[in-house]
Amino acid sequence: MTKGLTFDIRYDNELAHEYYGDGDKLTKRLQDVYKDKHLEFPQYFDSTLTTPPIHFMSVEAPDDVDVDELKNVHVPPGLSVEILDFD
């Protein structure tokens, strides 16, 4: 079984947005950041039309995942990840 989490991804500024990118580039970057956590990131996700955009990813995690541990993972400078667990 898996647990559904929502990752709200924000950029500090447009320069960070250009650096980390969108779509597959951003997904690959997040997979690297959370590589040991056994998370499944979506290929497609919703985004705002603002500049820089805010992305909303529905991420699948193992049932026994420690959400607080995920929140403490070091995210590269310029990115902000808010993890929401609605379960």
PDB file of N, CA and C in Angstrom:
ATOM      1  N   MET A   1       0.836  -1.188   0.000  1.00  0.00           N
ATOM      2  CA  MET A   1       0.000   0.000   0.000  1.00  0.00           C
ATOM      3  C   MET A   1       0.881   1.251   0.000  1.00  0.00           C
ATOM      4  N   THR A   2       0.298   2.310  -0.490  1.00  0.00           N
ATOM      5  CA  THR A   2       1.024   3.573  -0.526  1.00  0.00           C
ATOM      6  C   THR A   2       0.195   4.670   0.121  1.00  0.00           C
ATOM      7  N   LYS A   3       0.883   5.739   0.406  1.00  0.00           N
ATOM      8  CA  LYS A   3       0.264   6.921   1.008  1.00  0.00           C
ATOM      9  C   LYS A   3       0.413   8.062   0.011  1.00  0.00           C
ATOM     10  N   GLY A   4      -0.649   8.838  -0.163  1.00  0.00           N
ATOM     11  CA  GLY A   4      -0.600   9.983  -1.057  1.00  0.00           C
ATOM     12  C   GLY A   4      -0.206  11.247  -0.309  1.00  0.00           C
ATOM     13  N   LEU A   5       0.796  11.930  -0.823  1.00  0.00           N
ATOM     14  CA  LEU A   5       1.252  13.200  -0.258  1.00  0.00           C
ATOM     15  C   LEU A   5       1.158  14.270  -1.336  1.00  0.00           C
ATOM     16  N   THR A   6       1.026  15.502  -0.924  1.00  0.00           N
ATOM     17  CA  THR A   6       1.080  16.622  -1.858  1.00  0.00           C
ATOM     18  C   THR A   6       2.336  17.426  -1.572  1.00  0.00           C
ATOM     19  N   PHE A   7       3.131  17.645  -2.613  1.00  0.00           N
ATOM     20  CA  PHE A   7       4.329  18.476  -2.511  1.00  0.00           C
ATOM     21  C   PHE A   7       4.019  19.800  -3.203  1.00  0.00           C
ATOM     22  N   ASP A   8       4.054  20.895  -2.460  1.00  0.00           N
ATOM     23  CA  ASP A   8       3.927  22.233  -3.037  1.00  0.00           C
ATOM     24  C   ASP A   8       5.343  22.759  -3.243  1.00  0.00           C
ATOM     25  N   ILE A   9       5.711  22.979  -4.495  1.00  0.00           N
ATOM     26  CA  ILE A   9       7.075  23.381  -4.846  1.00  0.00           C
ATOM     27  C   ILE A   9       7.075  24.859  -5.210  1.00  0.00           C
ATOM     28  N   ARG A  10       7.902  25.617  -4.514  1.00  0.00           N
ATOM     29  CA  ARG A  10       8.029  27.052  -4.787  1.00  0.00           C
ATOM     30  C   ARG A  10       9.492  27.390  -5.075  1.00  0.00           C
ATOM     31  N   TYR A  11       9.680  28.376  -5.934  1.00  0.00           N
ATOM     32  CA  TYR A  11      11.013  28.899  -6.241  1.00  0.00           C
ATOM     33  C   TYR A  11      11.196  30.205  -5.476  1.00  0.00           C
ATOM     34  N   ASP A  12      12.413  30.485  -5.040  1.00  0.00           N
ATOM     35  CA  ASP A  12      12.681  31.747  -4.348  1.00  0.00           C
ATOM     36  C   ASP A  12      12.532  32.944  -5.279  1.00  0.00           C
ATOM     37  N   ASN A  13      12.859  32.731  -6.558  1.00  0.00           N
ATOM     38  CA  ASN A  13      12.797  33.814  -7.536  1.00  0.00           C
ATOM     39  C   ASN A  13      12.847  33.221  -8.946  1.00  0.00           C
ATOM     40  N   GLU A  14      12.779  34.066  -9.954  1.00  0.00           N
ATOM     41  CA  GLU A  14      12.765  33.594 -11.339  1.00  0.00           C
ATOM     42  C   GLU A  14      14.103  32.964 -11.738  1.00  0.00           C
ATOM     43  N   LEU A  15      15.192  33.444 -11.173  1.00  0.00           N
ATOM     44  CA  LEU A  15      16.501  32.847 -11.465  1.00  0.00           C
ATOM     45  C   LEU A  15      16.536  31.386 -11.006  1.00  0.00           C
ATOM     46  N   ALA A  16      15.999  31.109  -9.830  1.00  0.00           N
ATOM     47  CA  ALA A  16      15.923  29.725  -9.336  1.00  0.00           C
ATOM     48  C   ALA A  16      15.013  28.895 -10.240  1.00  0.00           C
ATOM     49  N   HIS A  17      13.931  29.484 -10.710  1.00  0.00           N
ATOM     50  CA  HIS A  17      13.023  28.791 -11.624  1.00  0.00           C
ATOM     51  C   HIS A  17      13.747  28.403 -12.904  1.00  0.00           C
ATOM     52  N   GLU A  18      14.509  29.320 -13.463  1.00  0.00           N
ATOM     53  CA  GLU A  18      15.272  29.022 -14.676  1.00  0.00           C
ATOM     54  C   GLU A  18      16.299  27.923 -14.419  1.00  0.00           C
ATOM     55  N   TYR A  19      16.932  27.949 -13.264  1.00  0.00           N
ATOM     56  CA  TYR A  19      17.971  26.972 -12.934  1.00  0.00           C
ATOM     57  C   TYR A  19      17.390  25.568 -12.730  1.00  0.00           C
ATOM     58  N   TYR A  20      16.340  25.439 -11.926  1.00  0.00           N
ATOM     59  CA  TYR A  20      15.771  24.127 -11.601  1.00  0.00           C
ATOM     60  C   TYR A  20      14.773  23.640 -12.641  1.00  0.00           C
ATOM     61  N   GLY A  21      14.204  24.556 -13.403  1.00  0.00           N
ATOM     62  CA  GLY A  21      13.312  24.187 -14.489  1.00  0.00           C
ATOM     63  C   GLY A  21      11.939  23.720 -14.049  1.00  0.00           C
ATOM     64  N   ASP A  22      11.219  23.189 -15.035  1.00  0.00           N
ATOM     65  CA  ASP A  22       9.864  22.675 -14.848  1.00  0.00           C
ATOM     66  C   ASP A  22       9.824  21.231 -15.340  1.00  0.00           C
ATOM     67  N   GLY A  23       8.667  20.630 -15.268  1.00  0.00           N
ATOM     68  CA  GLY A  23       8.435  19.324 -15.867  1.00  0.00           C
ATOM     69  C   GLY A  23       9.444  18.264 -15.463  1.00  0.00           C
ATOM     70  N   ASP A  24       9.956  17.553 -16.467  1.00  0.00           N
ATOM     71  CA  ASP A  24      10.887  16.446 -16.222  1.00  0.00           C
ATOM     72  C   ASP A  24      12.153  16.891 -15.500  1.00  0.00           C
ATOM     73  N   LYS A  25      12.650  18.074 -15.846  1.00  0.00           N
ATOM     74  CA  LYS A  25      13.882  18.559 -15.210  1.00  0.00           C
ATOM     75  C   LYS A  25      13.683  18.732 -13.698  1.00  0.00           C
ATOM     76  N   LEU A  26      12.579  19.333 -13.308  1.00  0.00           N
ATOM     77  CA  LEU A  26      12.281  19.522 -11.889  1.00  0.00           C
ATOM     78  C   LEU A  26      12.020  18.178 -11.210  1.00  0.00           C
ATOM     79  N   THR A  27      11.275  17.300 -11.872  1.00  0.00           N
ATOM     80  CA  THR A  27      10.986  15.979 -11.305  1.00  0.00           C
ATOM     81  C   THR A  27      12.273  15.207 -11.045  1.00  0.00           C
ATOM     82  N   LYS A  28      13.190  15.218 -11.997  1.00  0.00           N
ATOM     83  CA  LYS A  28      14.475  14.517 -11.820  1.00  0.00           C
ATOM     84  C   LYS A  28      15.266  15.111 -10.651  1.00  0.00           C
ATOM     85  N   ARG A  29      15.231  16.417 -10.522  1.00  0.00           N
ATOM     86  CA  ARG A  29      15.937  17.082  -9.421  1.00  0.00           C
ATOM     87  C   ARG A  29      15.354  16.632  -8.069  1.00  0.00           C
ATOM     88  N   LEU A  30      14.041  16.576  -7.985  1.00  0.00           N
ATOM     89  CA  LEU A  30      13.401  16.151  -6.735  1.00  0.00           C
ATOM     90  C   LEU A  30      13.641  14.669  -6.453  1.00  0.00           C
ATOM     91  N   GLN A  31      13.688  13.853  -7.500  1.00  0.00           N
ATOM     92  CA  GLN A  31      14.012  12.436  -7.315  1.00  0.00           C
ATOM     93  C   GLN A  31      15.410  12.292  -6.721  1.00  0.00           C
ATOM     94  N   ASP A  32      16.337  13.131  -7.153  1.00  0.00           N
ATOM     95  CA  ASP A  32      17.695  13.107  -6.590  1.00  0.00           C
ATOM     96  C   ASP A  32      17.689  13.537  -5.124  1.00  0.00           C
ATOM     97  N   VAL A  33      16.930  14.567  -4.814  1.00  0.00           N
ATOM     98  CA  VAL A  33      16.879  15.083  -3.442  1.00  0.00           C
ATOM     99  C   VAL A  33      16.311  14.038  -2.482  1.00  0.00           C
ATOM    100  N   TYR A  34      15.275  13.335  -2.925  1.00  0.00           N
ATOM    101  CA  TYR A  34      14.581  12.361  -2.065  1.00  0.00           C
ATOM    102  C   TYR A  34      14.900  10.915  -2.469  1.00  0.00           C
ATOM    103  N   LYS A  35      16.079  10.681  -3.036  1.00  0.00           N
ATOM    104  CA  LYS A  35      16.406   9.385  -3.649  1.00  0.00           C
ATOM    105  C   LYS A  35      16.297   8.187  -2.714  1.00  0.00           C
ATOM    106  N   ASP A  36      16.586   8.323  -1.448  1.00  0.00           N
ATOM    107  CA  ASP A  36      16.556   7.186  -0.522  1.00  0.00           C
ATOM    108  C   ASP A  36      15.205   7.012   0.164  1.00  0.00           C
ATOM    109  N   LYS A  37      14.204   7.764  -0.243  1.00  0.00           N
ATOM    110  CA  LYS A  37      12.913   7.755   0.461  1.00  0.00           C
ATOM    111  C   LYS A  37      11.844   6.919  -0.244  1.00  0.00           C
ATOM    112  N   HIS A  38      12.160   6.348  -1.401  1.00  0.00           N
ATOM    113  CA  HIS A  38      11.247   5.458  -2.137  1.00  0.00           C
ATOM    114  C   HIS A  38       9.940   6.150  -2.519  1.00  0.00           C
ATOM    115  N   LEU A  39      10.059   7.360  -3.016  1.00  0.00           N
ATOM    116  CA  LEU A  39       8.892   8.134  -3.434  1.00  0.00           C
ATOM    117  C   LEU A  39       8.688   8.003  -4.935  1.00  0.00           C
ATOM    118  N   GLU A  40       7.435   8.070  -5.363  1.00  0.00           N
ATOM    119  CA  GLU A  40       7.110   8.064  -6.786  1.00  0.00           C
ATOM    120  C   GLU A  40       6.561   9.438  -7.157  1.00  0.00           C
ATOM    121  N   PHE A  41       7.327  10.152  -7.993  1.00  0.00           N
ATOM    122  CA  PHE A  41       6.922  11.483  -8.427  1.00  0.00           C
ATOM    123  C   PHE A  41       6.134  11.383  -9.729  1.00  0.00           C
ATOM    124  N   PRO A  42       5.142  12.245  -9.914  1.00  0.00           N
ATOM    125  CA  PRO A  42       4.310  12.184 -11.124  1.00  0.00           C
ATOM    126  C   PRO A  42       5.039  12.744 -12.339  1.00  0.00           C
ATOM    127  N   GLN A  43       4.611  12.273 -13.495  1.00  0.00           N
ATOM    128  CA  GLN A  43       5.153  12.812 -14.738  1.00  0.00           C
ATOM    129  C   GLN A  43       4.523  14.176 -15.031  1.00  0.00           C
ATOM    130  N   TYR A  44       3.248  14.315 -14.670  1.00  0.00           N
ATOM    131  CA  TYR A  44       2.525  15.566 -14.907  1.00  0.00           C
ATOM    132  C   TYR A  44       1.987  16.097 -13.584  1.00  0.00           C
ATOM    133  N   PHE A  45       1.942  17.415 -13.464  1.00  0.00           N
ATOM    134  CA  PHE A  45       1.444  18.027 -12.235  1.00  0.00           C
ATOM    135  C   PHE A  45       0.883  19.401 -12.541  1.00  0.00           C
ATOM    136  N   ASP A  46       0.073  19.910 -11.628  1.00  0.00           N
ATOM    137  CA  ASP A  46      -0.557  21.220 -11.796  1.00  0.00           C
ATOM    138  C   ASP A  46       0.399  22.332 -11.381  1.00  0.00           C
ATOM    139  N   SER A  47       0.229  23.479 -12.022  1.00  0.00           N
ATOM    140  CA  SER A  47       1.065  24.642 -11.727  1.00  0.00           C
ATOM    141  C   SER A  47       0.226  25.909 -11.805  1.00  0.00           C
ATOM    142  N   THR A  48       0.659  26.919 -11.075  1.00  0.00           N
ATOM    143  CA  THR A  48       0.012  28.228 -11.189  1.00  0.00           C
ATOM    144  C   THR A  48       0.556  28.938 -12.424  1.00  0.00           C
ATOM    145  N   LEU A  49      -0.094  30.002 -12.818  1.00  0.00           N
ATOM    146  CA  LEU A  49       0.355  30.789 -13.969  1.00  0.00           C
ATOM    147  C   LEU A  49       1.210  31.977 -13.545  1.00  0.00           C
ATOM    148  N   THR A  50       1.608  32.010 -12.282  1.00  0.00           N
ATOM    149  CA  THR A  50       2.429  33.108 -11.779  1.00  0.00           C
ATOM    150  C   THR A  50       3.876  32.948 -12.241  1.00  0.00           C
ATOM    151  N   THR A  51       4.649  34.009 -12.064  1.00  0.00           N
ATOM    152  CA  THR A  51       6.079  33.963 -12.382  1.00  0.00           C
ATOM    153  C   THR A  51       6.850  34.311 -11.128  1.00  0.00           C
ATOM    154  N   PRO A  52       7.641  33.400 -10.592  1.00  0.00           N
ATOM    155  CA  PRO A  52       7.757  31.996 -10.989  1.00  0.00           C
ATOM    156  C   PRO A  52       6.526  31.206 -10.548  1.00  0.00           C
ATOM    157  N   PRO A  53       6.279  30.071 -11.209  1.00  0.00           N
ATOM    158  CA  PRO A  53       5.100  29.274 -10.866  1.00  0.00           C
ATOM    159  C   PRO A  53       5.255  28.535  -9.540  1.00  0.00           C
ATOM    160  N   ILE A  54       4.139  28.079  -9.020  1.00  0.00           N
ATOM    161  CA  ILE A  54       4.110  27.151  -7.888  1.00  0.00           C
ATOM    162  C   ILE A  54       3.578  25.841  -8.453  1.00  0.00           C
ATOM    163  N   HIS A  55       4.241  24.739  -8.142  1.00  0.00           N
ATOM    164  CA  HIS A  55       3.836  23.430  -8.657  1.00  0.00           C
ATOM    165  C   HIS A  55       3.220  22.605  -7.538  1.00  0.00           C
ATOM    166  N   PHE A  56       2.219  21.813  -7.887  1.00  0.00           N
ATOM    167  CA  PHE A  56       1.529  20.945  -6.936  1.00  0.00           C
ATOM    168  C   PHE A  56       1.652  19.509  -7.425  1.00  0.00           C
ATOM    169  N   MET A  57       2.439  18.712  -6.720  1.00  0.00           N
ATOM    170  CA  MET A  57       2.686  17.329  -7.125  1.00  0.00           C
ATOM    171  C   MET A  57       2.001  16.355  -6.179  1.00  0.00           C
ATOM    172  N   SER A  58       1.305  15.375  -6.746  1.00  0.00           N
ATOM    173  CA  SER A  58       0.750  14.269  -5.965  1.00  0.00           C
ATOM    174  C   SER A  58       1.799  13.163  -5.958  1.00  0.00           C
ATOM    175  N   VAL A  59       2.422  12.954  -4.813  1.00  0.00           N
ATOM    176  CA  VAL A  59       3.544  12.024  -4.684  1.00  0.00           C
ATOM    177  C   VAL A  59       3.092  10.791  -3.908  1.00  0.00           C
ATOM    178  N   GLU A  60       3.474   9.609  -4.397  1.00  0.00           N
ATOM    179  CA  GLU A  60       3.164   8.352  -3.712  1.00  0.00           C
ATOM    180  C   GLU A  60       4.351   7.951  -2.847  1.00  0.00           C
ATOM    181  N   ALA A  61       4.056   7.585  -1.601  1.00  0.00           N
ATOM    182  CA  ALA A  61       5.094   7.190  -0.644  1.00  0.00           C
ATOM    183  C   ALA A  61       4.676   5.880   0.022  1.00  0.00           C
ATOM    184  N   PRO A  62       5.637   5.114   0.540  1.00  0.00           N
ATOM    185  CA  PRO A  62       5.276   3.906   1.288  1.00  0.00           C
ATOM    186  C   PRO A  62       4.407   4.273   2.493  1.00  0.00           C
ATOM    187  N   ASP A  63       3.517   3.358   2.891  1.00  0.00           N
ATOM    188  CA  ASP A  63       2.625   3.602   4.038  1.00  0.00           C
ATOM    189  C   ASP A  63       3.370   3.981   5.308  1.00  0.00           C
ATOM    190  N   ASP A  64       4.556   3.411   5.482  1.00  0.00           N
ATOM    191  CA  ASP A  64       5.298   3.631   6.726  1.00  0.00           C
ATOM    192  C   ASP A  64       6.245   4.829   6.667  1.00  0.00           C
ATOM    193  N   VAL A  65       6.094   5.668   5.651  1.00  0.00           N
ATOM    194  CA  VAL A  65       6.987   6.821   5.518  1.00  0.00           C
ATOM    195  C   VAL A  65       6.799   7.764   6.709  1.00  0.00           C
ATOM    196  N   ASP A  66       7.894   8.335   7.153  1.00  0.00           N
ATOM    197  CA  ASP A  66       7.872   9.329   8.224  1.00  0.00           C
ATOM    198  C   ASP A  66       7.817  10.712   7.563  1.00  0.00           C
ATOM    199  N   VAL A  67       6.649  11.322   7.563  1.00  0.00           N
ATOM    200  CA  VAL A  67       6.458  12.604   6.881  1.00  0.00           C
ATOM    201  C   VAL A  67       7.342  13.685   7.497  1.00  0.00           C
ATOM    202  N   ASP A  68       7.516  13.661   8.811  1.00  0.00           N
ATOM    203  CA  ASP A  68       8.391  14.651   9.454  1.00  0.00           C
ATOM    204  C   ASP A  68       9.829  14.503   8.966  1.00  0.00           C
ATOM    205  N   GLU A  69      10.250  13.265   8.724  1.00  0.00           N
ATOM    206  CA  GLU A  69      11.599  13.030   8.194  1.00  0.00           C
ATOM    207  C   GLU A  69      11.715  13.599   6.779  1.00  0.00           C
ATOM    208  N   LEU A  70      10.672  13.434   5.970  1.00  0.00           N
ATOM    209  CA  LEU A  70      10.679  14.002   4.620  1.00  0.00           C
ATOM    210  C   LEU A  70      10.775  15.524   4.679  1.00  0.00           C
ATOM    211  N   LYS A  71      10.072  16.122   5.629  1.00  0.00           N
ATOM    212  CA  LYS A  71      10.088  17.583   5.756  1.00  0.00           C
ATOM    213  C   LYS A  71      11.464  18.103   6.161  1.00  0.00           C
ATOM    214  N   ASN A  72      12.291  17.249   6.759  1.00  0.00           N
ATOM    215  CA  ASN A  72      13.625  17.658   7.199  1.00  0.00           C
ATOM    216  C   ASN A  72      14.724  17.365   6.188  1.00  0.00           C
ATOM    217  N   VAL A  73      14.361  16.811   5.021  1.00  0.00           N
ATOM    218  CA  VAL A  73      15.350  16.562   3.974  1.00  0.00           C
ATOM    219  C   VAL A  73      15.870  17.903   3.468  1.00  0.00           C
ATOM    220  N   HIS A  74      17.180  17.991   3.272  1.00  0.00           N
ATOM    221  CA  HIS A  74      17.793  19.230   2.770  1.00  0.00           C
ATOM    222  C   HIS A  74      17.407  19.441   1.306  1.00  0.00           C
ATOM    223  N   VAL A  75      16.734  20.532   1.047  1.00  0.00           N
ATOM    224  CA  VAL A  75      16.338  20.908  -0.308  1.00  0.00           C
ATOM    225  C   VAL A  75      17.329  21.965  -0.789  1.00  0.00           C
ATOM    226  N   PRO A  76      17.769  21.888  -2.055  1.00  0.00           N
ATOM    227  CA  PRO A  76      18.753  22.855  -2.554  1.00  0.00           C
ATOM    228  C   PRO A  76      18.272  24.300  -2.418  1.00  0.00           C
ATOM    229  N   PRO A  77      19.211  25.229  -2.254  1.00  0.00           N
ATOM    230  CA  PRO A  77      18.857  26.648  -2.158  1.00  0.00           C
ATOM    231  C   PRO A  77      18.082  27.103  -3.392  1.00  0.00           C
ATOM    232  N   GLY A  78      17.087  27.931  -3.169  1.00  0.00           N
ATOM    233  CA  GLY A  78      16.282  28.444  -4.271  1.00  0.00           C
ATOM    234  C   GLY A  78      14.966  27.711  -4.436  1.00  0.00           C
ATOM    235  N   LEU A  79      14.864  26.527  -3.820  1.00  0.00           N
ATOM    236  CA  LEU A  79      13.627  25.745  -3.860  1.00  0.00           C
ATOM    237  C   LEU A  79      13.040  25.649  -2.464  1.00  0.00           C
ATOM    238  N   SER A  80      11.727  25.603  -2.400  1.00  0.00           N
ATOM    239  CA  SER A  80      11.027  25.388  -1.139  1.00  0.00           C
ATOM    240  C   SER A  80       9.988  24.303  -1.384  1.00  0.00           C
ATOM    241  N   VAL A  81       9.980  23.281  -0.528  1.00  0.00           N
ATOM    242  CA  VAL A  81       9.032  22.177  -0.677  1.00  0.00           C
ATOM    243  C   VAL A  81       8.199  22.074   0.597  1.00  0.00           C
ATOM    244  N   GLU A  82       6.897  22.273   0.455  1.00  0.00           N
ATOM    245  CA  GLU A  82       5.975  22.072   1.569  1.00  0.00           C
ATOM    246  C   GLU A  82       5.280  20.737   1.330  1.00  0.00           C
ATOM    247  N   ILE A  83       5.348  19.844   2.311  1.00  0.00           N
ATOM    248  CA  ILE A  83       4.772  18.509   2.175  1.00  0.00           C
ATOM    249  C   ILE A  83       3.498  18.437   3.002  1.00  0.00           C
ATOM    250  N   LEU A  84       2.408  18.084   2.339  1.00  0.00           N
ATOM    251  CA  LEU A  84       1.108  17.988   2.995  1.00  0.00           C
ATOM    252  C   LEU A  84       0.646  16.538   2.992  1.00  0.00           C
ATOM    253  N   ASP A  85       0.196  16.074   4.155  1.00  0.00           N
ATOM    254  CA  ASP A  85      -0.318  14.715   4.314  1.00  0.00           C
ATOM    255  C   ASP A  85      -1.764  14.823   4.759  1.00  0.00           C
ATOM    256  N   PHE A  86      -2.695  14.528   3.863  1.00  0.00           N
ATOM    257  CA  PHE A  86      -4.115  14.674   4.167  1.00  0.00           C
ATOM    258  C   PHE A  86      -4.725  13.411   4.753  1.00  0.00           C
ATOM    259  N   ASP A  87      -3.930  12.353   4.906  1.00  0.00           N
ATOM    260  CA  ASP A  87      -4.441  11.092   5.475  1.00  0.00           C
ATOM    261  C   ASP A  87      -4.578  11.174   6.971  1.00  0.00           C
TER     262      ASP A  87
END
